[in-house]
Amino acid sequence: MSWKEELAEQMNLPKDLMLGAVIVTITGKQEAYVENYMSLIEYTQELIRVQTRDCRVEIHGSCLLIVYFTTAEMKITGQIREVKYC
């Protein structure tokens, strides 16, 4: 565990704020929110790949659509089959 992780743990601070960790929230199989990402790498109807601070996140499915995105978050809809952290 890094010193930043230990500090966040000891002070009961949210790790997403302290470390810039990615947050992926999935609602059922049709909706996902990705927060704290850095860049969009690939975008097709079957795959959305984003770079985060520590890893890449891949969302696999069909009819995938980025409904909106800002510099901090994005909303994805479609038939989500799999989420991978690479």
N, C-alpha and C. Protein backbone atom coordinates (compact mmCIF):
# COMPACT_ATOMS: atom_id res chain seq x y z
N MET A 1 0.85 -1.18 0.00
CA MET A 1 0.00 0.00 0.00
C MET A 1 0.89 1.24 0.00
N SER A 2 0.59 2.20 -0.87
CA SER A 2 1.40 3.41 -0.96
C SER A 2 1.11 4.32 0.24
N TRP A 3 1.95 5.31 0.43
CA TRP A 3 1.75 6.23 1.55
C TRP A 3 0.45 7.02 1.40
N LYS A 4 0.07 7.31 0.14
CA LYS A 4 -1.18 8.03 -0.10
C LYS A 4 -2.38 7.17 0.28
N GLU A 5 -2.31 5.88 -0.06
CA GLU A 5 -3.40 4.98 0.30
C GLU A 5 -3.50 4.83 1.81
N GLU A 6 -2.36 4.71 2.48
CA GLU A 6 -2.36 4.60 3.94
C GLU A 6 -2.93 5.85 4.59
N LEU A 7 -2.54 7.01 4.07
CA LEU A 7 -3.04 8.27 4.61
C LEU A 7 -4.56 8.38 4.43
N ALA A 8 -5.03 8.05 3.24
CA ALA A 8 -6.47 8.09 2.98
C ALA A 8 -7.21 7.14 3.90
N GLU A 9 -6.64 5.95 4.12
CA GLU A 9 -7.26 4.95 5.00
C GLU A 9 -7.30 5.45 6.44
N GLN A 10 -6.20 5.98 6.95
CA GLN A 10 -6.12 6.45 8.33
C GLN A 10 -7.03 7.64 8.59
N MET A 11 -7.17 8.51 7.59
CA MET A 11 -7.99 9.71 7.77
C MET A 11 -9.43 9.52 7.32
N ASN A 12 -9.75 8.30 6.89
CA ASN A 12 -11.10 7.99 6.39
C ASN A 12 -11.53 8.91 5.26
N LEU A 13 -10.59 9.20 4.36
CA LEU A 13 -10.88 10.04 3.20
C LEU A 13 -11.23 9.15 2.02
N PRO A 14 -12.12 9.60 1.14
CA PRO A 14 -12.45 8.81 -0.05
C PRO A 14 -11.23 8.64 -0.94
N LYS A 15 -10.95 7.39 -1.33
CA LYS A 15 -9.76 7.11 -2.15
C LYS A 15 -9.87 7.73 -3.54
N ASP A 16 -11.09 7.88 -4.05
CA ASP A 16 -11.21 8.49 -5.37
C ASP A 16 -10.72 9.93 -5.35
N LEU A 17 -10.94 10.64 -4.25
CA LEU A 17 -10.47 12.02 -4.16
C LEU A 17 -8.97 12.08 -3.90
N MET A 18 -8.49 11.24 -3.01
CA MET A 18 -7.09 11.25 -2.63
C MET A 18 -6.19 10.74 -3.73
N LEU A 19 -6.62 9.68 -4.42
CA LEU A 19 -5.76 9.00 -5.37
C LEU A 19 -6.16 9.21 -6.82
N GLY A 20 -7.30 9.84 -7.05
CA GLY A 20 -7.78 9.99 -8.41
C GLY A 20 -8.23 8.67 -9.01
N ALA A 21 -8.68 7.75 -8.17
CA ALA A 21 -9.07 6.41 -8.62
C ALA A 21 -10.32 6.48 -9.50
N VAL A 22 -10.37 5.58 -10.47
CA VAL A 22 -11.52 5.50 -11.36
C VAL A 22 -12.72 4.94 -10.59
N ILE A 23 -13.89 5.45 -10.91
CA ILE A 23 -15.14 4.94 -10.35
C ILE A 23 -16.01 4.51 -11.52
N VAL A 24 -16.41 3.24 -11.52
CA VAL A 24 -17.30 2.72 -12.55
C VAL A 24 -18.58 2.28 -11.84
N THR A 25 -19.70 2.90 -12.21
CA THR A 25 -20.98 2.56 -11.64
C THR A 25 -21.86 1.97 -12.73
N ILE A 26 -22.34 0.75 -12.51
CA ILE A 26 -23.14 0.08 -13.51
C ILE A 26 -24.55 -0.13 -12.96
N THR A 27 -25.54 0.25 -13.76
CA THR A 27 -26.94 0.07 -13.39
C THR A 27 -27.52 -0.98 -14.33
N GLY A 28 -27.76 -2.17 -13.80
CA GLY A 28 -28.27 -3.26 -14.61
C GLY A 28 -27.29 -3.59 -15.72
N LYS A 29 -27.80 -3.92 -16.89
CA LYS A 29 -26.96 -4.24 -18.04
C LYS A 29 -27.01 -3.15 -19.10
N GLN A 30 -27.70 -2.04 -18.81
CA GLN A 30 -27.92 -1.03 -19.84
C GLN A 30 -27.23 0.31 -19.62
N GLU A 31 -26.60 0.53 -18.47
CA GLU A 31 -26.10 1.87 -18.19
C GLU A 31 -24.83 1.81 -17.34
N ALA A 32 -23.85 2.63 -17.69
CA ALA A 32 -22.61 2.72 -16.91
C ALA A 32 -22.14 4.17 -16.85
N TYR A 33 -21.59 4.53 -15.72
CA TYR A 33 -20.96 5.83 -15.53
C TYR A 33 -19.50 5.58 -15.22
N VAL A 34 -18.62 6.31 -15.88
CA VAL A 34 -17.19 6.21 -15.62
C VAL A 34 -16.73 7.59 -15.16
N GLU A 35 -16.15 7.64 -13.96
CA GLU A 35 -15.67 8.90 -13.40
C GLU A 35 -14.16 8.84 -13.20
N ASN A 36 -13.52 9.97 -13.24
CA ASN A 36 -12.08 10.11 -13.03
C ASN A 36 -11.26 9.42 -14.12
N TYR A 37 -11.70 9.52 -15.35
CA TYR A 37 -10.91 8.96 -16.45
C TYR A 37 -10.05 10.09 -17.04
N MET A 38 -9.03 9.68 -17.78
CA MET A 38 -8.14 10.67 -18.37
C MET A 38 -8.43 10.91 -19.85
N SER A 39 -8.64 9.81 -20.62
CA SER A 39 -8.89 10.00 -22.04
C SER A 39 -9.66 8.81 -22.62
N LEU A 40 -10.32 9.09 -23.72
CA LEU A 40 -11.03 8.07 -24.48
C LEU A 40 -10.07 7.51 -25.51
N ILE A 41 -9.84 6.19 -25.48
CA ILE A 41 -8.89 5.56 -26.39
C ILE A 41 -9.58 4.99 -27.62
N GLU A 42 -10.71 4.29 -27.39
CA GLU A 42 -11.41 3.64 -28.50
C GLU A 42 -12.90 3.69 -28.24
N TYR A 43 -13.66 3.90 -29.31
CA TYR A 43 -15.10 4.00 -29.18
C TYR A 43 -15.78 3.37 -30.39
N THR A 44 -16.38 2.21 -30.19
CA THR A 44 -17.19 1.55 -31.21
C THR A 44 -18.49 1.11 -30.54
N GLN A 45 -19.38 0.55 -31.31
CA GLN A 45 -20.64 0.06 -30.74
C GLN A 45 -20.43 -1.19 -29.89
N GLU A 46 -19.27 -1.85 -30.04
CA GLU A 46 -18.99 -3.07 -29.28
C GLU A 46 -17.96 -2.88 -28.16
N LEU A 47 -17.19 -1.79 -28.20
CA LEU A 47 -16.12 -1.59 -27.23
C LEU A 47 -15.90 -0.11 -26.97
N ILE A 48 -15.84 0.23 -25.70
CA ILE A 48 -15.41 1.57 -25.29
C ILE A 48 -14.23 1.37 -24.35
N ARG A 49 -13.09 1.97 -24.70
CA ARG A 49 -11.87 1.82 -23.92
C ARG A 49 -11.42 3.20 -23.47
N VAL A 50 -11.21 3.34 -22.16
CA VAL A 50 -10.76 4.62 -21.61
C VAL A 50 -9.50 4.41 -20.78
N GLN A 51 -8.66 5.42 -20.78
CA GLN A 51 -7.45 5.41 -19.96
C GLN A 51 -7.75 6.11 -18.66
N THR A 52 -7.36 5.49 -17.56
CA THR A 52 -7.47 6.13 -16.25
C THR A 52 -6.07 6.39 -15.74
N ARG A 53 -5.97 6.88 -14.57
CA ARG A 53 -4.66 7.18 -14.01
C ARG A 53 -3.81 5.92 -13.83
N ASP A 54 -4.45 4.81 -13.44
CA ASP A 54 -3.71 3.59 -13.10
C ASP A 54 -3.89 2.43 -14.07
N CYS A 55 -4.92 2.48 -14.89
CA CYS A 55 -5.21 1.33 -15.76
C CYS A 55 -6.08 1.77 -16.93
N ARG A 56 -6.41 0.79 -17.76
CA ARG A 56 -7.39 1.01 -18.82
C ARG A 56 -8.65 0.27 -18.44
N VAL A 57 -9.79 0.88 -18.75
CA VAL A 57 -11.08 0.24 -18.50
C VAL A 57 -11.71 -0.03 -19.86
N GLU A 58 -12.14 -1.28 -20.06
CA GLU A 58 -12.81 -1.65 -21.30
C GLU A 58 -14.24 -2.06 -20.97
N ILE A 59 -15.18 -1.51 -21.72
CA ILE A 59 -16.58 -1.90 -21.59
C ILE A 59 -16.98 -2.55 -22.91
N HIS A 60 -17.34 -3.83 -22.81
CA HIS A 60 -17.71 -4.63 -23.98
C HIS A 60 -19.22 -4.82 -23.99
N GLY A 61 -19.81 -4.81 -25.18
CA GLY A 61 -21.24 -5.03 -25.30
C GLY A 61 -21.70 -4.84 -26.73
N SER A 62 -22.95 -4.44 -26.87
CA SER A 62 -23.50 -4.15 -28.19
C SER A 62 -24.35 -2.88 -28.10
N CYS A 63 -24.43 -2.18 -29.21
CA CYS A 63 -25.16 -0.91 -29.29
C CYS A 63 -24.69 0.08 -28.23
N LEU A 64 -23.40 0.08 -27.92
CA LEU A 64 -22.87 1.00 -26.91
C LEU A 64 -22.86 2.42 -27.45
N LEU A 65 -23.24 3.34 -26.60
CA LEU A 65 -23.34 4.75 -26.97
C LEU A 65 -22.90 5.61 -25.80
N ILE A 66 -22.02 6.56 -26.06
CA ILE A 66 -21.67 7.54 -25.03
C ILE A 66 -22.71 8.64 -25.12
N VAL A 67 -23.57 8.70 -24.12
CA VAL A 67 -24.67 9.66 -24.11
C VAL A 67 -24.13 11.07 -23.86
N TYR A 68 -23.19 11.19 -22.92
CA TYR A 68 -22.53 12.47 -22.68
C TYR A 68 -21.18 12.21 -22.03
N PHE A 69 -20.29 13.16 -22.14
CA PHE A 69 -19.03 13.08 -21.42
C PHE A 69 -18.54 14.48 -21.12
N THR A 70 -17.87 14.59 -19.99
CA THR A 70 -17.20 15.82 -19.59
C THR A 70 -15.74 15.45 -19.34
N THR A 71 -14.97 16.38 -18.83
CA THR A 71 -13.58 16.07 -18.52
C THR A 71 -13.47 15.14 -17.31
N ALA A 72 -14.54 14.97 -16.56
CA ALA A 72 -14.50 14.15 -15.35
C ALA A 72 -15.31 12.86 -15.42
N GLU A 73 -16.35 12.81 -16.24
CA GLU A 73 -17.21 11.62 -16.24
C GLU A 73 -17.87 11.41 -17.60
N MET A 74 -18.35 10.18 -17.79
CA MET A 74 -19.12 9.88 -18.98
C MET A 74 -20.22 8.88 -18.65
N LYS A 75 -21.30 8.96 -19.43
CA LYS A 75 -22.42 8.03 -19.30
C LYS A 75 -22.49 7.19 -20.57
N ILE A 76 -22.56 5.88 -20.37
CA ILE A 76 -22.60 4.93 -21.48
C ILE A 76 -23.89 4.13 -21.37
N THR A 77 -24.57 3.96 -22.50
CA THR A 77 -25.76 3.11 -22.53
C THR A 77 -25.57 2.03 -23.59
N GLY A 78 -26.42 1.02 -23.55
CA GLY A 78 -26.36 -0.09 -24.49
C GLY A 78 -26.47 -1.40 -23.73
N GLN A 79 -26.20 -2.50 -24.40
CA GLN A 79 -26.20 -3.81 -23.78
C GLN A 79 -24.79 -4.13 -23.29
N ILE A 80 -24.54 -3.93 -22.00
CA ILE A 80 -23.22 -4.13 -21.43
C ILE A 80 -23.06 -5.60 -21.05
N ARG A 81 -22.00 -6.22 -21.59
CA ARG A 81 -21.75 -7.63 -21.31
C ARG A 81 -20.58 -7.83 -20.34
N GLU A 82 -19.59 -6.93 -20.40
CA GLU A 82 -18.38 -7.16 -19.63
C GLU A 82 -17.65 -5.85 -19.38
N VAL A 83 -17.03 -5.75 -18.21
CA VAL A 83 -16.16 -4.62 -17.89
C VAL A 83 -14.82 -5.21 -17.49
N LYS A 84 -13.76 -4.74 -18.11
CA LYS A 84 -12.39 -5.24 -17.82
C LYS A 84 -11.52 -4.09 -17.36
N TYR A 85 -10.66 -4.40 -16.40
CA TYR A 85 -9.63 -3.47 -15.96
C TYR A 85 -8.30 -4.05 -16.43
N CYS A 86 -7.63 -3.35 -17.31
CA CYS A 86 -6.38 -3.86 -17.90
C CYS A 86 -5.19 -3.06 -17.40
